Amino acid sequence: MKISTKGRYGLRALIDLAANSSEEQPVSISSIASRQYISEAYLEQLMAKLKKAGLIKSSRGAQGGYQLARPASEISVGDTLRALEGDTEVVYCPGLHEEGCSASDRCVTMYVWQKINDSINRTVDEIMLDTLVRETKQDGNATTALNEKHNC
């Protein structure tokens, strides 16, 4: 699985939102875009997908912006990647799905794809946004500078 800019930038935006929003104060798209070096137009597209997935909510008006739809401790990296990228499978193997595969009874590689897919899903589902926010705060501004320098 190769994670595209949608997944990378969307995850950065969601971490930024988790770190900078509160129940009383939503975060503007322009402030996230500025801190994360992401174009506002592209960020709006990502936020629409995250909103459709139920991960964030928006409010309109002069004091409007975005907030998490549920606590950061309840939103995983997996939730975010699936909302932006779709399925997290490395290899789509019909034998692992309802349609089946005529070779599945003698296909050894099916076992490999299942183990890899399970491992990736378990990993991304165990990492929660609140953990990433804590990591960001420990790093201070180093994370933002690193993102800018390496286009992460």
C-alpha atoms as a PDB file:
ATOM      1  CA  MET A   1       0.000   0.000   0.000  1.00  0.00           C
ATOM      2  CA  LYS A   2       1.377   3.353  -0.955  1.00  0.00           C
ATOM      3  CA  ILE A   3      -0.185   6.271   0.863  1.00  0.00           C
ATOM      4  CA  SER A   4      -0.861   9.221  -1.417  1.00  0.00           C
ATOM      5  CA  THR A   5      -0.750  12.919  -0.591  1.00  0.00           C
ATOM      6  CA  LYS A   6      -4.444  12.630   0.311  1.00  0.00           C
ATOM      7  CA  GLY A   7      -3.608  10.292   3.168  1.00  0.00           C
ATOM      8  CA  ARG A   8      -0.431  12.052   4.243  1.00  0.00           C
ATOM      9  CA  TYR A   9      -1.808  15.597   4.144  1.00  0.00           C
ATOM     10  CA  GLY A  10      -5.180  14.548   5.535  1.00  0.00           C
ATOM     11  CA  LEU A  11      -3.579  12.871   8.526  1.00  0.00           C
ATOM     12  CA  ARG A  12      -1.413  15.942   9.156  1.00  0.00           C
ATOM     13  CA  ALA A  13      -4.508  18.159   8.953  1.00  0.00           C
ATOM     14  CA  LEU A  14      -6.430  15.952  11.377  1.00  0.00           C
ATOM     15  CA  ILE A  15      -3.556  15.942  13.871  1.00  0.00           C
ATOM     16  CA  ASP A  16      -3.366  19.729  13.576  1.00  0.00           C
ATOM     17  CA  LEU A  17      -7.110  19.966  14.148  1.00  0.00           C
ATOM     18  CA  ALA A  18      -6.906  17.705  17.193  1.00  0.00           C
ATOM     19  CA  ALA A  19      -4.056  19.767  18.621  1.00  0.00           C
ATOM     20  CA  ASN A  20      -5.618  23.174  17.990  1.00  0.00           C
ATOM     21  CA  SER A  21      -9.390  22.866  18.369  1.00  0.00           C
ATOM     22  CA  SER A  22     -11.649  22.838  21.376  1.00  0.00           C
ATOM     23  CA  GLU A  23     -15.383  22.410  21.918  1.00  0.00           C
ATOM     24  CA  GLU A  24     -15.745  26.188  22.022  1.00  0.00           C
ATOM     25  CA  GLN A  25     -13.349  27.133  19.241  1.00  0.00           C
ATOM     26  CA  PRO A  26     -13.267  25.518  15.805  1.00  0.00           C
ATOM     27  CA  VAL A  27     -10.149  25.791  13.651  1.00  0.00           C
ATOM     28  CA  SER A  28     -10.212  27.636  10.338  1.00  0.00           C
ATOM     29  CA  ILE A  29      -9.061  25.937   7.194  1.00  0.00           C
ATOM     30  CA  SER A  30      -6.663  28.803   6.517  1.00  0.00           C
ATOM     31  CA  SER A  31      -4.894  28.314   9.855  1.00  0.00           C
ATOM     32  CA  ILE A  32      -4.456  24.578   9.269  1.00  0.00           C
ATOM     33  CA  ALA A  33      -3.253  25.226   5.710  1.00  0.00           C
ATOM     34  CA  SER A  34      -0.755  27.794   6.957  1.00  0.00           C
ATOM     35  CA  ARG A  35       0.679  25.607   9.721  1.00  0.00           C
ATOM     36  CA  GLN A  36       0.832  22.479   7.565  1.00  0.00           C
ATOM     37  CA  TYR A  37       1.922  24.047   4.258  1.00  0.00           C
ATOM     38  CA  ILE A  38      -1.062  22.620   2.387  1.00  0.00           C
ATOM     39  CA  SER A  39      -3.067  24.598  -0.162  1.00  0.00           C
ATOM     40  CA  GLU A  40      -6.474  25.676   1.125  1.00  0.00           C
ATOM     41  CA  ALA A  41      -8.220  24.350  -1.987  1.00  0.00           C
ATOM     42  CA  TYR A  42      -6.701  20.888  -1.561  1.00  0.00           C
ATOM     43  CA  LEU A  43      -7.334  20.925   2.176  1.00  0.00           C
ATOM     44  CA  GLU A  44     -11.012  21.732   1.569  1.00  0.00           C
ATOM     45  CA  GLN A  45     -11.291  18.583  -0.557  1.00  0.00           C
ATOM     46  CA  LEU A  46      -9.688  16.496   2.186  1.00  0.00           C
ATOM     47  CA  MET A  47     -11.894  18.016   4.887  1.00  0.00           C
ATOM     48  CA  ALA A  48     -15.007  17.214   2.831  1.00  0.00           C
ATOM     49  CA  LYS A  49     -13.994  13.534   2.756  1.00  0.00           C
ATOM     50  CA  LEU A  50     -13.210  13.525   6.493  1.00  0.00           C
ATOM     51  CA  LYS A  51     -16.560  15.171   7.216  1.00  0.00           C
ATOM     52  CA  LYS A  52     -18.424  12.656   5.038  1.00  0.00           C
ATOM     53  CA  ALA A  53     -16.717   9.864   6.996  1.00  0.00           C
ATOM     54  CA  GLY A  54     -17.946  11.395  10.260  1.00  0.00           C
ATOM     55  CA  LEU A  55     -14.486  12.196  11.613  1.00  0.00           C
ATOM     56  CA  ILE A  56     -14.912  15.979  11.681  1.00  0.00           C
ATOM     57  CA  LYS A  57     -17.729  18.512  11.775  1.00  0.00           C
ATOM     58  CA  SER A  58     -17.864  22.041  10.470  1.00  0.00           C
ATOM     59  CA  SER A  59     -19.504  25.279  11.463  1.00  0.00           C
ATOM     60  CA  ARG A  60     -20.124  28.308   9.285  1.00  0.00           C
ATOM     61  CA  GLY A  61     -19.682  31.986   9.945  1.00  0.00           C
ATOM     62  CA  ALA A  62     -16.957  34.368  11.005  1.00  0.00           C
ATOM     63  CA  GLN A  63     -15.980  32.144  13.934  1.00  0.00           C
ATOM     64  CA  GLY A  64     -16.589  28.942  11.976  1.00  0.00           C
ATOM     65  CA  GLY A  65     -14.219  26.197  11.073  1.00  0.00           C
ATOM     66  CA  TYR A  66     -13.645  22.541  11.797  1.00  0.00           C
ATOM     67  CA  GLN A  67     -13.644  20.381  14.907  1.00  0.00           C
ATOM     68  CA  LEU A  68     -13.284  16.677  15.558  1.00  0.00           C
ATOM     69  CA  ALA A  69     -16.624  14.863  15.535  1.00  0.00           C
ATOM     70  CA  ARG A  70     -15.509  12.693  18.451  1.00  0.00           C
ATOM     71  CA  PRO A  71     -12.588  12.685  20.891  1.00  0.00           C
ATOM     72  CA  ALA A  72      -9.079  12.299  19.456  1.00  0.00           C
ATOM     73  CA  SER A  73      -8.695   9.176  21.598  1.00  0.00           C
ATOM     74  CA  GLU A  74     -11.468   7.558  19.510  1.00  0.00           C
ATOM     75  CA  ILE A  75     -10.138   8.380  16.027  1.00  0.00           C
ATOM     76  CA  SER A  76      -7.443   6.118  14.650  1.00  0.00           C
ATOM     77  CA  VAL A  77      -4.960   6.558  11.850  1.00  0.00           C
ATOM     78  CA  GLY A  78      -6.827   3.685  10.185  1.00  0.00           C
ATOM     79  CA  ASP A  79     -10.114   5.615  10.313  1.00  0.00           C
ATOM     80  CA  THR A  80      -8.385   8.555   8.674  1.00  0.00           C
ATOM     81  CA  LEU A  81      -6.602   6.582   5.956  1.00  0.00           C
ATOM     82  CA  ARG A  82      -9.713   4.618   5.048  1.00  0.00           C
ATOM     83  CA  ALA A  83     -11.726   7.849   4.772  1.00  0.00           C
ATOM     84  CA  LEU A  84      -9.143   9.371   2.431  1.00  0.00           C
ATOM     85  CA  GLU A  85      -7.542   6.431   0.627  1.00  0.00           C
ATOM     86  CA  GLY A  86     -10.194   3.723   0.713  1.00  0.00           C
ATOM     87  CA  ASP A  87      -9.184   0.182   1.580  1.00  0.00           C
ATOM     88  CA  THR A  88      -5.792  -0.322   3.240  1.00  0.00           C
ATOM     89  CA  GLU A  89      -5.063  -3.672   1.598  1.00  0.00           C
ATOM     90  CA  VAL A  90      -1.617  -4.090   0.080  1.00  0.00           C
ATOM     91  CA  VAL A  91      -2.856  -6.690  -2.365  1.00  0.00           C
ATOM     92  CA  TYR A  92      -6.458  -7.300  -3.285  1.00  0.00           C
ATOM     93  CA  CYS A  93      -6.885 -11.060  -3.203  1.00  0.00           C
ATOM     94  CA  PRO A  94     -10.319 -12.335  -4.318  1.00  0.00           C
ATOM     95  CA  GLY A  95      -9.784 -15.457  -2.209  1.00  0.00           C
ATOM     96  CA  LEU A  96      -9.994 -13.301   0.904  1.00  0.00           C
ATOM     97  CA  HIS A  97     -13.340 -11.803  -0.142  1.00  0.00           C
ATOM     98  CA  GLU A  98     -16.856 -12.992  -0.877  1.00  0.00           C
ATOM     99  CA  GLU A  99     -16.322 -13.492  -4.602  1.00  0.00           C
ATOM    100  CA  GLY A 100     -13.674 -16.098  -3.847  1.00  0.00           C
ATOM    101  CA  CYS A 101     -11.003 -17.430  -6.118  1.00  0.00           C
ATOM    102  CA  SER A 102     -10.885 -20.707  -8.003  1.00  0.00           C
ATOM    103  CA  ALA A 103      -7.261 -21.207  -6.907  1.00  0.00           C
ATOM    104  CA  SER A 104      -7.759 -20.352  -3.221  1.00  0.00           C
ATOM    105  CA  ASP A 105      -7.618 -23.986  -2.084  1.00  0.00           C
ATOM    106  CA  ARG A 106      -4.056 -24.299  -3.418  1.00  0.00           C
ATOM    107  CA  CYS A 107      -2.853 -20.686  -3.228  1.00  0.00           C
ATOM    108  CA  VAL A 108      -0.125 -20.249  -0.635  1.00  0.00           C
ATOM    109  CA  THR A 109       0.295 -16.521  -1.311  1.00  0.00           C
ATOM    110  CA  MET A 110      -3.242 -15.857  -0.024  1.00  0.00           C
ATOM    111  CA  TYR A 111      -1.879 -16.558   3.460  1.00  0.00           C
ATOM    112  CA  VAL A 112       0.879 -13.960   2.924  1.00  0.00           C
ATOM    113  CA  TRP A 113      -1.542 -11.260   1.730  1.00  0.00           C
ATOM    114  CA  GLN A 114      -3.871 -11.922   4.654  1.00  0.00           C
ATOM    115  CA  LYS A 115      -1.042 -11.651   7.215  1.00  0.00           C
ATOM    116  CA  ILE A 116       0.275  -8.422   5.646  1.00  0.00           C
ATOM    117  CA  ASN A 117      -3.200  -6.864   5.418  1.00  0.00           C
ATOM    118  CA  ASP A 118      -4.031  -7.859   9.003  1.00  0.00           C
ATOM    119  CA  SER A 119      -0.749  -6.449  10.271  1.00  0.00           C
ATOM    120  CA  ILE A 120      -1.240  -3.109   8.546  1.00  0.00           C
ATOM    121  CA  ASN A 121      -4.843  -2.804   9.723  1.00  0.00           C
ATOM    122  CA  ARG A 122      -3.932  -3.702  13.298  1.00  0.00           C
ATOM    123  CA  THR A 123      -1.118  -1.136  13.321  1.00  0.00           C
ATOM    124  CA  VAL A 124      -3.073   1.788  11.874  1.00  0.00           C
ATOM    125  CA  ASP A 125      -6.104   0.985  14.038  1.00  0.00           C
ATOM    126  CA  GLU A 126      -4.011   1.015  17.228  1.00  0.00           C
ATOM    127  CA  ILE A 127      -2.528   4.483  16.655  1.00  0.00           C
ATOM    128  CA  MET A 128      -4.954   7.127  17.876  1.00  0.00           C
ATOM    129  CA  LEU A 129      -4.915  10.861  17.136  1.00  0.00           C
ATOM    130  CA  ASP A 130      -4.415  11.813  20.781  1.00  0.00           C
ATOM    131  CA  THR A 131      -1.153   9.812  20.797  1.00  0.00           C
ATOM    132  CA  LEU A 132       0.037  11.685  17.707  1.00  0.00           C
ATOM    133  CA  VAL A 133      -0.914  15.030  19.277  1.00  0.00           C
ATOM    134  CA  ARG A 134       1.176  14.160  22.347  1.00  0.00           C
ATOM    135  CA  GLU A 135       4.084  13.206  20.079  1.00  0.00           C
ATOM    136  CA  THR A 136       3.743  16.498  18.183  1.00  0.00           C
ATOM    137  CA  LYS A 137       3.768  18.516  21.409  1.00  0.00           C
ATOM    138  CA  GLN A 138       6.894  16.693  22.603  1.00  0.00           C
ATOM    139  CA  ASP A 139       8.640  17.535  19.339  1.00  0.00           C
ATOM    140  CA  GLY A 140       7.521  21.167  19.486  1.00  0.00           C
ATOM    141  CA  ASN A 141       8.013  23.071  16.266  1.00  0.00           C
ATOM    142  CA  ALA A 142      10.497  20.507  14.990  1.00  0.00           C
ATOM    143  CA  THR A 143       7.638  18.574  13.368  1.00  0.00           C
ATOM    144  CA  THR A 144       6.419  21.567  11.376  1.00  0.00           C
ATOM    145  CA  ALA A 145       9.926  22.429  10.232  1.00  0.00           C
ATOM    146  CA  LEU A 146      10.539  18.801   9.262  1.00  0.00           C
ATOM    147  CA  ASN A 147       7.253  18.679   7.308  1.00  0.00           C
ATOM    148  CA  GLU A 148       8.202  21.826   5.402  1.00  0.00           C
ATOM    149  CA  LYS A 149      11.736  20.685   4.650  1.00  0.00           C
ATOM    150  CA  HIS A 150      10.865  17.173   3.528  1.00  0.00           C
ATOM    151  CA  ASN A 151       7.351  17.751   2.192  1.00  0.00           C
ATOM    152  CA  CYS A 152       6.002  15.009   4.494  1.00  0.00           C
END
